[in-house]
C-alpha atoms as a PDB file:
ATOM      1  CA  MET A   1     -42.126 -39.187 -49.962  1.00  0.00           C
ATOM      2  CA  ILE A   2     -41.374 -36.657 -47.319  1.00  0.00           C
ATOM      3  CA  ILE A   3     -43.247 -33.492 -48.959  1.00  0.00           C
ATOM      4  CA  ASN A   4     -46.089 -35.674 -49.796  1.00  0.00           C
ATOM      5  CA  ASN A   5     -46.406 -37.178 -46.245  1.00  0.00           C
ATOM      6  CA  SER A   6     -45.853 -33.689 -44.678  1.00  0.00           C
ATOM      7  CA  LEU A   7     -48.705 -32.276 -46.918  1.00  0.00           C
ATOM      8  CA  ASN A   8     -51.180 -35.095 -46.020  1.00  0.00           C
ATOM      9  CA  LYS A   9     -50.813 -34.227 -42.303  1.00  0.00           C
ATOM     10  CA  LEU A  10     -51.282 -30.680 -42.842  1.00  0.00           C
ATOM     11  CA  CYS A  11     -54.248 -31.184 -44.590  1.00  0.00           C
ATOM     12  CA  ARG A  12     -55.845 -33.477 -42.159  1.00  0.00           C
ATOM     13  CA  PHE A  13     -54.991 -30.759 -39.391  1.00  0.00           C
ATOM     14  CA  VAL A  14     -56.061 -27.899 -41.494  1.00  0.00           C
ATOM     15  CA  GLY A  15     -58.933 -29.358 -43.171  1.00  0.00           C
ATOM     16  CA  PRO A  16     -61.512 -29.030 -40.692  1.00  0.00           C
ATOM     17  CA  TYR A  17     -60.657 -25.427 -40.116  1.00  0.00           C
ATOM     18  CA  LEU A  18     -60.957 -24.797 -44.028  1.00  0.00           C
ATOM     19  CA  ARG A  19     -64.412 -26.289 -44.023  1.00  0.00           C
ATOM     20  CA  ILE A  20     -65.872 -24.846 -40.590  1.00  0.00           C
ATOM     21  CA  CYS A  21     -64.197 -21.472 -40.282  1.00  0.00           C
ATOM     22  CA  PRO A  22     -62.114 -20.732 -43.655  1.00  0.00           C
ATOM     23  CA  GLU A  23     -62.164 -17.227 -42.862  1.00  0.00           C
ATOM     24  CA  HIS A  24     -59.769 -17.776 -40.277  1.00  0.00           C
ATOM     25  CA  VAL A  25     -57.462 -19.792 -42.035  1.00  0.00           C
ATOM     26  CA  PHE A  26     -54.109 -18.168 -43.656  1.00  0.00           C
ATOM     27  CA  VAL A  27     -51.381 -19.500 -45.542  1.00  0.00           C
ATOM     28  CA  VAL A  28     -47.712 -18.244 -44.677  1.00  0.00           C
ATOM     29  CA  ASP A  29     -45.154 -17.663 -47.570  1.00  0.00           C
ATOM     30  CA  ASP A  30     -41.701 -16.733 -46.966  1.00  0.00           C
ATOM     31  CA  GLY A  31     -40.899 -15.378 -50.368  1.00  0.00           C
ATOM     32  CA  HIS A  32     -39.753 -18.842 -51.348  1.00  0.00           C
ATOM     33  CA  GLY A  33     -42.859 -20.853 -50.932  1.00  0.00           C
ATOM     34  CA  ILE A  34     -45.388 -22.160 -48.213  1.00  0.00           C
ATOM     35  CA  CYS A  35     -43.749 -22.494 -44.924  1.00  0.00           C
ATOM     36  CA  GLY A  36     -46.669 -22.859 -42.877  1.00  0.00           C
ATOM     37  CA  CYS A  37     -50.248 -21.761 -41.851  1.00  0.00           C
ATOM     38  CA  ALA A  38     -51.963 -20.126 -38.791  1.00  0.00           C
ATOM     39  CA  VAL A  39     -55.645 -21.407 -38.133  1.00  0.00           C
ATOM     40  CA  ALA A  40     -58.104 -20.099 -35.679  1.00  0.00           C
ATOM     41  CA  ALA A  41     -61.453 -21.055 -34.253  1.00  0.00           C
ATOM     42  CA  PRO A  42     -63.114 -17.978 -33.055  1.00  0.00           C
ATOM     43  CA  ASP A  43     -65.798 -19.832 -31.055  1.00  0.00           C
ATOM     44  CA  SER A  44     -64.340 -22.798 -30.039  1.00  0.00           C
ATOM     45  CA  LYS A  45     -67.402 -24.687 -28.890  1.00  0.00           C
ATOM     46  CA  HIS A  46     -69.286 -23.819 -32.139  1.00  0.00           C
ATOM     47  CA  PHE A  47     -66.347 -25.328 -34.017  1.00  0.00           C
ATOM     48  CA  TYR A  48     -66.249 -28.665 -32.038  1.00  0.00           C
ATOM     49  CA  GLU A  49     -69.817 -29.213 -32.355  1.00  0.00           C
ATOM     50  CA  GLN A  50     -69.517 -28.678 -36.212  1.00  0.00           C
ATOM     51  CA  PHE A  51     -66.190 -30.960 -36.308  1.00  0.00           C
ATOM     52  CA  LYS A  52     -68.266 -33.513 -34.541  1.00  0.00           C
ATOM     53  CA  LYS A  53     -71.396 -33.199 -36.706  1.00  0.00           C
ATOM     54  CA  HIS A  54     -69.881 -32.736 -40.076  1.00  0.00           C
ATOM     55  CA  TRP A  55     -66.083 -33.328 -40.340  1.00  0.00           C
ATOM     56  CA  LEU A  56     -65.625 -36.638 -38.397  1.00  0.00           C
ATOM     57  CA  PRO A  57     -68.452 -38.548 -40.227  1.00  0.00           C
ATOM     58  CA  GLU A  58     -67.203 -37.553 -43.332  1.00  0.00           C
ATOM     59  CA  VAL A  59     -63.669 -38.079 -42.773  1.00  0.00           C
ATOM     60  CA  CYS A  60     -64.560 -41.834 -41.130  1.00  0.00           C
ATOM     61  CA  LYS A  61     -66.914 -42.470 -44.478  1.00  0.00           C
ATOM     62  CA  ASN A  62     -63.980 -41.883 -46.798  1.00  0.00           C
ATOM     63  CA  LYS A  63     -61.394 -43.670 -44.772  1.00  0.00           C
ATOM     64  CA  PHE A  64     -63.188 -46.622 -43.596  1.00  0.00           C
ATOM     65  CA  SER A  65     -65.636 -47.038 -46.742  1.00  0.00           C
ATOM     66  CA  CYS A  66     -64.183 -50.379 -47.602  1.00  0.00           C
ATOM     67  CA  TYR A  67     -65.283 -51.785 -44.205  1.00  0.00           C
ATOM     68  CA  LEU A  68     -68.800 -50.619 -44.853  1.00  0.00           C
ATOM     69  CA  GLN A  69     -69.298 -52.574 -48.249  1.00  0.00           C
END
């Protein structure tokens, strides 16, 4: 399904921003529904450190958990 596939891709992109700096994530609605988003990391060094330390290990654990058992 195209909508679910697009939503999955969007969540993969926006997810780390929602976790690390949610106050800088904005949803764009054109009056007919959600049509996009805007994300920012005010401190890219901090964002990248948090991304490596917290986000990547969690994603890898969830995505590859079947290989760890």
